[in-house]
Amino acid sequence: MKITTLMENTTADESLVCEHGLSLYIETAGHKILFDAGQSGAIIENAAKLGVDLSEVDIAVLSHGHYDHGNGFVRFFEVNDKAKIYMNVRAFEEHFNKKDKYIGVDISLKDSDRIVYTGDEFEIDKGITLFSCNDRELKCPIDPAGLSVVTDNVKRPEDFKHEHYLLLEEDRRVLISGCSHKGILNIENWFKPDILVGGFHFMGIEPDEAGTLRLQEAAKELMSYDTYYLTGHCTGQEQYDIMKAVMGERLGYISTGTVFDTCDLRMV
């Protein structure tokens, strides 16, 4: 299984566009998967430069209903006419950040007949399954981090019930997460995959004395599992550096343009 980062906040190649967002291109034995599409559609140009043919994607997944993961699908539709996009039934709820700015997905996508809405568990194909984990026991409380959602015409602290995770079971058990809003420690405890790829949503933790201790403790707990981690986007660069000092080779970064093979974990 090969995974290429089409979009992330940083870039490993100055010829590639980077933006606050995430998009991964995943090649399995039988499928070509687009997991999230960034915010602007610049994945189209990045993919071309990286030798990725997005017209051949046959499965697309939106991890959760935020613009920096979903709005790029508007342009994706222009180059791909076949892939279904799998998203949670709650993906088009209204979502706001702590400054009360709308951060939901472009509502025009809602009219597409290529969307497949999923519930708590949905098998796309053998070894390709989506899980929301909304009813699973929490090891750690979910932190809304000031985000909110409108449900039943009432604005409430975000519960992230629109977020789901992609489990790929091929050569190894690989879990793909967009932002891990339900808590990376919860997600790791639920799945215990061989490899976990995605944001940790630690960018809001100040890298002061208390924040550093919190990040170090999270890193130590992640190290207690037999999992290799690749992260980026909402983890935060300073926060990543603190965790990297604890986790060493067990933690890598997925800048725009990075490519890795899950068989051997070598960055190529």
C-alpha atoms as a PDB file:
ATOM      1  CA  MET A   1       0.000   0.000   0.000  1.00  0.00           C
ATOM      2  CA  LYS A   2       1.433   3.387  -1.004  1.00  0.00           C
ATOM      3  CA  ILE A   3       0.281   6.714   0.410  1.00  0.00           C
ATOM      4  CA  THR A   4       1.063  10.096  -1.155  1.00  0.00           C
ATOM      5  CA  THR A   5       0.356  13.383   0.602  1.00  0.00           C
ATOM      6  CA  LEU A   6      -1.302  15.649  -1.960  1.00  0.00           C
ATOM      7  CA  MET A   7      -1.946  18.461   0.521  1.00  0.00           C
ATOM      8  CA  GLU A   8      -0.802  19.442   3.986  1.00  0.00           C
ATOM      9  CA  ASN A   9       0.087  22.705   5.742  1.00  0.00           C
ATOM     10  CA  THR A  10       3.759  22.359   4.801  1.00  0.00           C
ATOM     11  CA  THR A  11       5.563  21.071   1.741  1.00  0.00           C
ATOM     12  CA  ALA A  12       8.583  18.886   1.099  1.00  0.00           C
ATOM     13  CA  ASP A  13       8.895  20.353  -2.424  1.00  0.00           C
ATOM     14  CA  GLU A  14       8.765  24.085  -3.195  1.00  0.00           C
ATOM     15  CA  SER A  15       7.122  23.368  -6.564  1.00  0.00           C
ATOM     16  CA  LEU A  16       4.045  22.048  -4.745  1.00  0.00           C
ATOM     17  CA  VAL A  17       1.278  24.161  -3.210  1.00  0.00           C
ATOM     18  CA  CYS A  18       0.666  23.828   0.515  1.00  0.00           C
ATOM     19  CA  GLU A  19      -2.292  25.137   2.501  1.00  0.00           C
ATOM     20  CA  HIS A  20      -4.053  24.554   5.796  1.00  0.00           C
ATOM     21  CA  GLY A  21      -5.753  21.298   4.916  1.00  0.00           C
ATOM     22  CA  LEU A  22      -5.220  17.632   4.204  1.00  0.00           C
ATOM     23  CA  SER A  23      -5.483  15.256   1.257  1.00  0.00           C
ATOM     24  CA  LEU A  24      -4.027  11.783   0.867  1.00  0.00           C
ATOM     25  CA  TYR A  25      -3.875   9.559  -2.215  1.00  0.00           C
ATOM     26  CA  ILE A  26      -3.818   5.873  -1.311  1.00  0.00           C
ATOM     27  CA  GLU A  27      -3.019   3.004  -3.666  1.00  0.00           C
ATOM     28  CA  THR A  28      -4.106  -0.429  -2.451  1.00  0.00           C
ATOM     29  CA  ALA A  29      -3.972  -3.717  -4.358  1.00  0.00           C
ATOM     30  CA  GLY A  30      -7.424  -3.147  -5.817  1.00  0.00           C
ATOM     31  CA  HIS A  31      -8.305   0.531  -5.401  1.00  0.00           C
ATOM     32  CA  LYS A  32      -7.132   4.107  -5.802  1.00  0.00           C
ATOM     33  CA  ILE A  33      -8.480   6.163  -2.919  1.00  0.00           C
ATOM     34  CA  LEU A  34      -8.635   9.905  -2.299  1.00  0.00           C
ATOM     35  CA  PHE A  35      -8.947  10.641   1.416  1.00  0.00           C
ATOM     36  CA  ASP A  36      -9.968  14.287   1.841  1.00  0.00           C
ATOM     37  CA  ALA A  37      -9.289  16.946  -0.776  1.00  0.00           C
ATOM     38  CA  GLY A  38      -7.904  20.021   0.975  1.00  0.00           C
ATOM     39  CA  GLN A  39      -9.648  23.397   0.880  1.00  0.00           C
ATOM     40  CA  SER A  40      -8.925  24.992  -2.496  1.00  0.00           C
ATOM     41  CA  GLY A  41      -8.649  22.268  -5.116  1.00  0.00           C
ATOM     42  CA  ALA A  42      -4.897  22.803  -5.501  1.00  0.00           C
ATOM     43  CA  ILE A  43      -4.535  19.033  -5.136  1.00  0.00           C
ATOM     44  CA  ILE A  44      -5.254  18.910  -8.878  1.00  0.00           C
ATOM     45  CA  GLU A  45      -1.967  20.646  -9.742  1.00  0.00           C
ATOM     46  CA  ASN A  46      -0.031  18.880  -6.991  1.00  0.00           C
ATOM     47  CA  ALA A  47      -1.260  15.479  -8.133  1.00  0.00           C
ATOM     48  CA  ALA A  48      -0.142  16.175 -11.702  1.00  0.00           C
ATOM     49  CA  LYS A  49       3.348  17.138 -10.529  1.00  0.00           C
ATOM     50  CA  LEU A  50       3.520  14.005  -8.372  1.00  0.00           C
ATOM     51  CA  GLY A  51       2.447  11.711 -11.211  1.00  0.00           C
ATOM     52  CA  VAL A  52      -0.938  10.928  -9.657  1.00  0.00           C
ATOM     53  CA  ASP A  53      -3.866  10.568 -12.070  1.00  0.00           C
ATOM     54  CA  LEU A  54      -6.914  11.692 -10.083  1.00  0.00           C
ATOM     55  CA  SER A  55      -9.242  10.612 -12.912  1.00  0.00           C
ATOM     56  CA  GLU A  56      -8.431   7.023 -11.924  1.00  0.00           C
ATOM     57  CA  VAL A  57      -9.561   7.419  -8.306  1.00  0.00           C
ATOM     58  CA  ASP A  58     -12.455   5.000  -7.710  1.00  0.00           C
ATOM     59  CA  ILE A  59     -13.129   5.693  -4.009  1.00  0.00           C
ATOM     60  CA  ALA A  60     -13.179   9.072  -2.257  1.00  0.00           C
ATOM     61  CA  VAL A  61     -13.671   9.706   1.461  1.00  0.00           C
ATOM     62  CA  LEU A  62     -14.437  12.883   3.395  1.00  0.00           C
ATOM     63  CA  SER A  63     -13.180  12.406   6.940  1.00  0.00           C
ATOM     64  CA  HIS A  64     -15.401  15.096   8.489  1.00  0.00           C
ATOM     65  CA  GLY A  65     -17.443  18.131   7.567  1.00  0.00           C
ATOM     66  CA  HIS A  66     -14.823  20.894   7.618  1.00  0.00           C
ATOM     67  CA  TYR A  67     -13.874  23.053   4.629  1.00  0.00           C
ATOM     68  CA  ASP A  68     -10.123  22.370   4.798  1.00  0.00           C
ATOM     69  CA  HIS A  69     -10.798  18.689   4.140  1.00  0.00           C
ATOM     70  CA  GLY A  70     -13.825  18.870   1.867  1.00  0.00           C
ATOM     71  CA  ASN A  71     -13.986  21.947  -0.344  1.00  0.00           C
ATOM     72  CA  GLY A  72     -11.357  20.599  -2.733  1.00  0.00           C
ATOM     73  CA  PHE A  73     -13.894  18.011  -3.876  1.00  0.00           C
ATOM     74  CA  VAL A  74     -15.559  20.729  -5.971  1.00  0.00           C
ATOM     75  CA  ARG A  75     -12.576  20.726  -8.342  1.00  0.00           C
ATOM     76  CA  PHE A  76     -12.055  16.993  -7.948  1.00  0.00           C
ATOM     77  CA  PHE A  77     -15.430  16.505  -9.645  1.00  0.00           C
ATOM     78  CA  GLU A  78     -14.035  18.356 -12.661  1.00  0.00           C
ATOM     79  CA  VAL A  79     -11.302  15.771 -13.251  1.00  0.00           C
ATOM     80  CA  ASN A  80     -12.997  12.623 -11.995  1.00  0.00           C
ATOM     81  CA  ASP A  81     -16.407  11.414 -13.165  1.00  0.00           C
ATOM     82  CA  LYS A  82     -16.679   8.047 -11.441  1.00  0.00           C
ATOM     83  CA  ALA A  83     -15.625   7.991  -7.785  1.00  0.00           C
ATOM     84  CA  LYS A  84     -18.296   7.910  -5.118  1.00  0.00           C
ATOM     85  CA  ILE A  85     -17.581  10.122  -2.117  1.00  0.00           C
ATOM     86  CA  TYR A  86     -18.274   8.487   1.225  1.00  0.00           C
ATOM     87  CA  MET A  87     -19.148  10.860   4.046  1.00  0.00           C
ATOM     88  CA  ASN A  88     -20.998  10.675   7.335  1.00  0.00           C
ATOM     89  CA  VAL A  89     -24.701  11.523   7.346  1.00  0.00           C
ATOM     90  CA  ARG A  90     -23.886  14.516   9.589  1.00  0.00           C
ATOM     91  CA  ALA A  91     -21.187  15.975   7.313  1.00  0.00           C
ATOM     92  CA  PHE A  92     -23.318  18.885   6.110  1.00  0.00           C
ATOM     93  CA  GLU A  93     -24.281  20.132   9.561  1.00  0.00           C
ATOM     94  CA  GLU A  94     -23.248  23.750  10.206  1.00  0.00           C
ATOM     95  CA  HIS A  95     -19.838  23.941  11.859  1.00  0.00           C
ATOM     96  CA  PHE A  96     -18.140  27.007  13.385  1.00  0.00           C
ATOM     97  CA  ASN A  97     -14.732  27.739  14.865  1.00  0.00           C
ATOM     98  CA  LYS A  98     -14.107  29.438  18.214  1.00  0.00           C
ATOM     99  CA  LYS A  99     -14.361  32.863  16.530  1.00  0.00           C
ATOM    100  CA  ASP A 100     -17.795  31.868  15.222  1.00  0.00           C
ATOM    101  CA  LYS A 101     -16.560  31.660  11.630  1.00  0.00           C
ATOM    102  CA  TYR A 102     -18.326  29.098   9.445  1.00  0.00           C
ATOM    103  CA  ILE A 103     -15.955  26.209   8.718  1.00  0.00           C
ATOM    104  CA  GLY A 104     -18.382  23.722   7.163  1.00  0.00           C
ATOM    105  CA  VAL A 105     -18.106  22.087   3.753  1.00  0.00           C
ATOM    106  CA  ASP A 106     -19.205  23.928   0.581  1.00  0.00           C
ATOM    107  CA  ILE A 107     -22.965  23.336   0.551  1.00  0.00           C
ATOM    108  CA  SER A 108     -22.983  23.035  -3.263  1.00  0.00           C
ATOM    109  CA  LEU A 109     -21.490  19.574  -2.888  1.00  0.00           C
ATOM    110  CA  LYS A 110     -24.696  18.436  -1.226  1.00  0.00           C
ATOM    111  CA  ASP A 111     -26.453  18.352  -4.605  1.00  0.00           C
ATOM    112  CA  SER A 112     -24.104  15.724  -6.025  1.00  0.00           C
ATOM    113  CA  ASP A 113     -25.548  12.301  -6.814  1.00  0.00           C
ATOM    114  CA  ARG A 114     -22.114  10.787  -6.192  1.00  0.00           C
ATOM    115  CA  ILE A 115     -22.298  11.108  -2.417  1.00  0.00           C
ATOM    116  CA  VAL A 116     -22.818   7.986  -0.318  1.00  0.00           C
ATOM    117  CA  TYR A 117     -23.869   8.782   3.240  1.00  0.00           C
ATOM    118  CA  THR A 118     -22.587   6.464   5.928  1.00  0.00           C
ATOM    119  CA  GLY A 119     -23.558   5.681   9.504  1.00  0.00           C
ATOM    120  CA  ASP A 120     -21.552   4.265  12.374  1.00  0.00           C
ATOM    121  CA  GLU A 121     -19.933   1.506  10.308  1.00  0.00           C
ATOM    122  CA  PHE A 122     -19.800   1.115   6.545  1.00  0.00           C
ATOM    123  CA  GLU A 123     -17.872  -1.436   4.477  1.00  0.00           C
ATOM    124  CA  ILE A 124     -16.902   0.052   1.113  1.00  0.00           C
ATOM    125  CA  ASP A 125     -15.196  -3.137  -0.028  1.00  0.00           C
ATOM    126  CA  LYS A 126     -13.407  -6.048   1.585  1.00  0.00           C
ATOM    127  CA  GLY A 127     -10.766  -4.637   3.892  1.00  0.00           C
ATOM    128  CA  ILE A 128     -11.951  -1.026   3.393  1.00  0.00           C
ATOM    129  CA  THR A 129     -14.265   0.089   6.206  1.00  0.00           C
ATOM    130  CA  LEU A 130     -15.393   3.377   7.738  1.00  0.00           C
ATOM    131  CA  PHE A 131     -16.108   3.729  11.464  1.00  0.00           C
ATOM    132  CA  SER A 132     -17.550   6.725  13.311  1.00  0.00           C
ATOM    133  CA  CYS A 133     -17.070   5.210  16.803  1.00  0.00           C
ATOM    134  CA  ASN A 134     -19.803   7.497  18.139  1.00  0.00           C
ATOM    135  CA  ASP A 135     -21.008   4.894  20.616  1.00  0.00           C
ATOM    136  CA  ARG A 136     -17.618   3.658  21.793  1.00  0.00           C
ATOM    137  CA  GLU A 137     -16.307   4.207  25.303  1.00  0.00           C
ATOM    138  CA  LEU A 138     -14.012   7.203  25.682  1.00  0.00           C
ATOM    139  CA  LYS A 139     -10.623   6.722  27.275  1.00  0.00           C
ATOM    140  CA  CYS A 140     -10.270  10.512  27.380  1.00  0.00           C
ATOM    141  CA  PRO A 141     -13.001  13.181  27.203  1.00  0.00           C
ATOM    142  CA  ILE A 142     -13.552  14.851  23.826  1.00  0.00           C
ATOM    143  CA  ASP A 143     -12.368  18.464  23.802  1.00  0.00           C
ATOM    144  CA  PRO A 144     -14.496  20.670  21.487  1.00  0.00           C
ATOM    145  CA  ALA A 145     -11.642  23.244  21.520  1.00  0.00           C
ATOM    146  CA  GLY A 146     -14.128  26.085  21.150  1.00  0.00           C
ATOM    147  CA  LEU A 147     -15.732  24.626  18.018  1.00  0.00           C
ATOM    148  CA  SER A 148     -19.508  24.405  17.686  1.00  0.00           C
ATOM    149  CA  VAL A 149     -22.158  22.677  15.589  1.00  0.00           C
ATOM    150  CA  VAL A 150     -25.787  23.475  14.831  1.00  0.00           C
ATOM    151  CA  THR A 151     -28.161  20.557  15.368  1.00  0.00           C
ATOM    152  CA  ASP A 152     -31.954  20.857  15.572  1.00  0.00           C
ATOM    153  CA  ASN A 153     -31.520  24.616  15.037  1.00  0.00           C
ATOM    154  CA  VAL A 154     -29.480  24.947  18.221  1.00  0.00           C
ATOM    155  CA  LYS A 155     -25.769  25.799  18.359  1.00  0.00           C
ATOM    156  CA  ARG A 156     -23.932  23.464  20.705  1.00  0.00           C
ATOM    157  CA  PRO A 157     -20.333  22.600  21.565  1.00  0.00           C
ATOM    158  CA  GLU A 158     -18.992  20.394  18.774  1.00  0.00           C
ATOM    159  CA  ASP A 159     -19.459  16.656  19.317  1.00  0.00           C
ATOM    160  CA  PHE A 160     -17.655  15.547  16.108  1.00  0.00           C
ATOM    161  CA  LYS A 161     -20.256  12.904  15.321  1.00  0.00           C
ATOM    162  CA  HIS A 162     -19.664  13.747  11.653  1.00  0.00           C
ATOM    163  CA  GLU A 163     -16.103  12.409  11.830  1.00  0.00           C
ATOM    164  CA  HIS A 164     -15.214   8.881  10.773  1.00  0.00           C
ATOM    165  CA  TYR A 165     -12.041   6.867  10.233  1.00  0.00           C
ATOM    166  CA  LEU A 166     -10.901   4.674   7.357  1.00  0.00           C
ATOM    167  CA  LEU A 167      -9.498   1.261   8.252  1.00  0.00           C
ATOM    168  CA  LEU A 168      -7.532  -0.438   5.484  1.00  0.00           C
ATOM    169  CA  GLU A 169      -6.674  -4.091   5.997  1.00  0.00           C
ATOM    170  CA  GLU A 170      -4.270  -5.356   3.374  1.00  0.00           C
ATOM    171  CA  ASP A 171      -0.576  -5.997   4.008  1.00  0.00           C
ATOM    172  CA  ARG A 172      -1.023  -4.303   7.381  1.00  0.00           C
ATOM    173  CA  ARG A 173      -3.837  -2.686   9.354  1.00  0.00           C
ATOM    174  CA  VAL A 174      -3.644   0.981   8.456  1.00  0.00           C
ATOM    175  CA  LEU A 175      -5.973   3.560  10.000  1.00  0.00           C
ATOM    176  CA  ILE A 176      -6.446   6.912   8.263  1.00  0.00           C
ATOM    177  CA  SER A 177      -7.810   9.823  10.306  1.00  0.00           C
ATOM    178  CA  GLY A 178      -8.364  13.398   9.158  1.00  0.00           C
ATOM    179  CA  CYS A 179      -8.074  15.413  12.385  1.00  0.00           C
ATOM    180  CA  SER A 180      -8.755  12.907  15.176  1.00  0.00           C
ATOM    181  CA  HIS A 181     -11.172  15.325  16.835  1.00  0.00           C
ATOM    182  CA  LYS A 182     -12.555  12.532  18.999  1.00  0.00           C
ATOM    183  CA  GLY A 183      -9.110  12.301  20.574  1.00  0.00           C
ATOM    184  CA  ILE A 184      -6.043  10.563  19.178  1.00  0.00           C
ATOM    185  CA  LEU A 185      -5.660   8.567  22.410  1.00  0.00           C
ATOM    186  CA  ASN A 186      -9.246   7.336  22.100  1.00  0.00           C
ATOM    187  CA  ILE A 187      -8.801   6.452  18.436  1.00  0.00           C
ATOM    188  CA  GLU A 188      -5.550   4.584  19.036  1.00  0.00           C
ATOM    189  CA  ASN A 189      -7.157   2.671  21.906  1.00  0.00           C
ATOM    190  CA  TRP A 190     -10.165   1.719  19.756  1.00  0.00           C
ATOM    191  CA  PHE A 191      -8.229   0.437  16.753  1.00  0.00           C
ATOM    192  CA  LYS A 192      -4.623  -0.340  17.765  1.00  0.00           C
ATOM    193  CA  PRO A 193      -3.549  -0.395  14.101  1.00  0.00           C
ATOM    194  CA  ASP A 194      -0.117  -1.240  12.757  1.00  0.00           C
ATOM    195  CA  ILE A 195       0.072   2.234  11.226  1.00  0.00           C
ATOM    196  CA  LEU A 196      -1.948   5.366  12.024  1.00  0.00           C
ATOM    197  CA  VAL A 197      -1.913   8.287   9.594  1.00  0.00           C
ATOM    198  CA  GLY A 198      -3.539  11.646  10.298  1.00  0.00           C
ATOM    199  CA  GLY A 199      -3.659  14.829  12.336  1.00  0.00           C
ATOM    200  CA  PHE A 200      -3.589  14.698  16.135  1.00  0.00           C
ATOM    201  CA  HIS A 201      -5.349  18.069  16.624  1.00  0.00           C
ATOM    202  CA  PHE A 202      -2.812  19.281  19.167  1.00  0.00           C
ATOM    203  CA  MET A 203      -2.136  22.644  17.478  1.00  0.00           C
ATOM    204  CA  GLY A 204      -4.154  24.431  20.172  1.00  0.00           C
ATOM    205  CA  ILE A 205      -1.897  23.208  22.975  1.00  0.00           C
ATOM    206  CA  GLU A 206       0.544  25.952  23.923  1.00  0.00           C
ATOM    207  CA  PRO A 207       4.147  24.658  23.907  1.00  0.00           C
ATOM    208  CA  ASP A 208       4.730  26.127  27.376  1.00  0.00           C
ATOM    209  CA  GLU A 209       5.693  24.073  30.424  1.00  0.00           C
ATOM    210  CA  ALA A 210       2.199  22.676  31.033  1.00  0.00           C
ATOM    211  CA  GLY A 211       1.541  22.099  27.324  1.00  0.00           C
ATOM    212  CA  THR A 212       4.889  20.394  26.813  1.00  0.00           C
ATOM    213  CA  LEU A 213       4.159  18.037  29.687  1.00  0.00           C
ATOM    214  CA  ARG A 214       0.738  17.231  28.230  1.00  0.00           C
ATOM    215  CA  LEU A 215       2.234  16.499  24.809  1.00  0.00           C
ATOM    216  CA  GLN A 216       4.985  14.366  26.315  1.00  0.00           C
ATOM    217  CA  GLU A 217       2.460  12.325  28.255  1.00  0.00           C
ATOM    218  CA  ALA A 218       0.360  11.804  25.107  1.00  0.00           C
ATOM    219  CA  ALA A 219       3.478  10.738  23.221  1.00  0.00           C
ATOM    220  CA  LYS A 220       4.397   8.236  25.927  1.00  0.00           C
ATOM    221  CA  GLU A 221       0.905   6.754  25.848  1.00  0.00           C
ATOM    222  CA  LEU A 222       0.989   6.420  22.060  1.00  0.00           C
ATOM    223  CA  MET A 223       4.358   4.707  22.396  1.00  0.00           C
ATOM    224  CA  SER A 224       2.774   2.070  24.648  1.00  0.00           C
ATOM    225  CA  TYR A 225       0.992   0.653  21.583  1.00  0.00           C
ATOM    226  CA  ASP A 226       2.667  -1.317  18.816  1.00  0.00           C
ATOM    227  CA  THR A 227       1.842   1.327  16.201  1.00  0.00           C
ATOM    228  CA  TYR A 228       3.869   3.492  13.803  1.00  0.00           C
ATOM    229  CA  TYR A 229       2.496   7.043  13.472  1.00  0.00           C
ATOM    230  CA  LEU A 230       2.532   9.538  10.630  1.00  0.00           C
ATOM    231  CA  THR A 231       1.038  12.933  11.382  1.00  0.00           C
ATOM    232  CA  GLY A 232       0.725  16.527  10.238  1.00  0.00           C
ATOM    233  CA  HIS A 233      -1.858  19.245   9.501  1.00  0.00           C
ATOM    234  CA  CYS A 234      -3.650  19.995  12.795  1.00  0.00           C
ATOM    235  CA  THR A 235      -0.957  18.474  15.026  1.00  0.00           C
ATOM    236  CA  GLY A 236       1.088  21.677  14.917  1.00  0.00           C
ATOM    237  CA  GLN A 237       4.789  21.919  14.068  1.00  0.00           C
ATOM    238  CA  GLU A 238       6.065  22.875  17.537  1.00  0.00           C
ATOM    239  CA  GLN A 239       3.780  20.274  19.072  1.00  0.00           C
ATOM    240  CA  TYR A 240       5.097  17.672  16.640  1.00  0.00           C
ATOM    241  CA  ASP A 241       8.693  18.510  17.538  1.00  0.00           C
ATOM    242  CA  ILE A 242       7.970  17.971  21.235  1.00  0.00           C
ATOM    243  CA  MET A 243       6.353  14.597  20.562  1.00  0.00           C
ATOM    244  CA  LYS A 244       9.079  13.605  18.100  1.00  0.00           C
ATOM    245  CA  ALA A 245      11.681  14.049  20.836  1.00  0.00           C
ATOM    246  CA  VAL A 246       9.837  11.365  22.827  1.00  0.00           C
ATOM    247  CA  MET A 247       8.742   9.060  19.997  1.00  0.00           C
ATOM    248  CA  GLY A 248      11.800   9.136  17.753  1.00  0.00           C
ATOM    249  CA  GLU A 249      11.525   6.903  14.681  1.00  0.00           C
ATOM    250  CA  ARG A 250       8.005   5.826  15.666  1.00  0.00           C
ATOM    251  CA  LEU A 251       6.668   9.215  14.534  1.00  0.00           C
ATOM    252  CA  GLY A 252       6.954  10.733  11.070  1.00  0.00           C
ATOM    253  CA  TYR A 253       5.586  13.814   9.291  1.00  0.00           C
ATOM    254  CA  ILE A 254       3.410  13.898   6.162  1.00  0.00           C
ATOM    255  CA  SER A 255       4.336  17.149   4.395  1.00  0.00           C
ATOM    256  CA  THR A 256       2.854  17.791   0.955  1.00  0.00           C
ATOM    257  CA  GLY A 257       4.698  15.611  -1.538  1.00  0.00           C
ATOM    258  CA  THR A 258       5.862  12.885   0.849  1.00  0.00           C
ATOM    259  CA  VAL A 259       5.327   9.292  -0.277  1.00  0.00           C
ATOM    260  CA  PHE A 260       5.637   6.144   1.791  1.00  0.00           C
ATOM    261  CA  ASP A 261       5.039   2.427   1.459  1.00  0.00           C
ATOM    262  CA  THR A 262       3.284   0.722   4.349  1.00  0.00           C
ATOM    263  CA  CYS A 263       5.159  -2.518   3.684  1.00  0.00           C
ATOM    264  CA  ASP A 264       8.423  -1.146   4.977  1.00  0.00           C
ATOM    265  CA  LEU A 265       7.602   2.355   6.312  1.00  0.00           C
ATOM    266  CA  ARG A 266      10.409   3.845   4.248  1.00  0.00           C
ATOM    267  CA  MET A 267       9.884   7.421   3.105  1.00  0.00           C
ATOM    268  CA  VAL A 268      10.562   7.346  -0.651  1.00  0.00           C
END
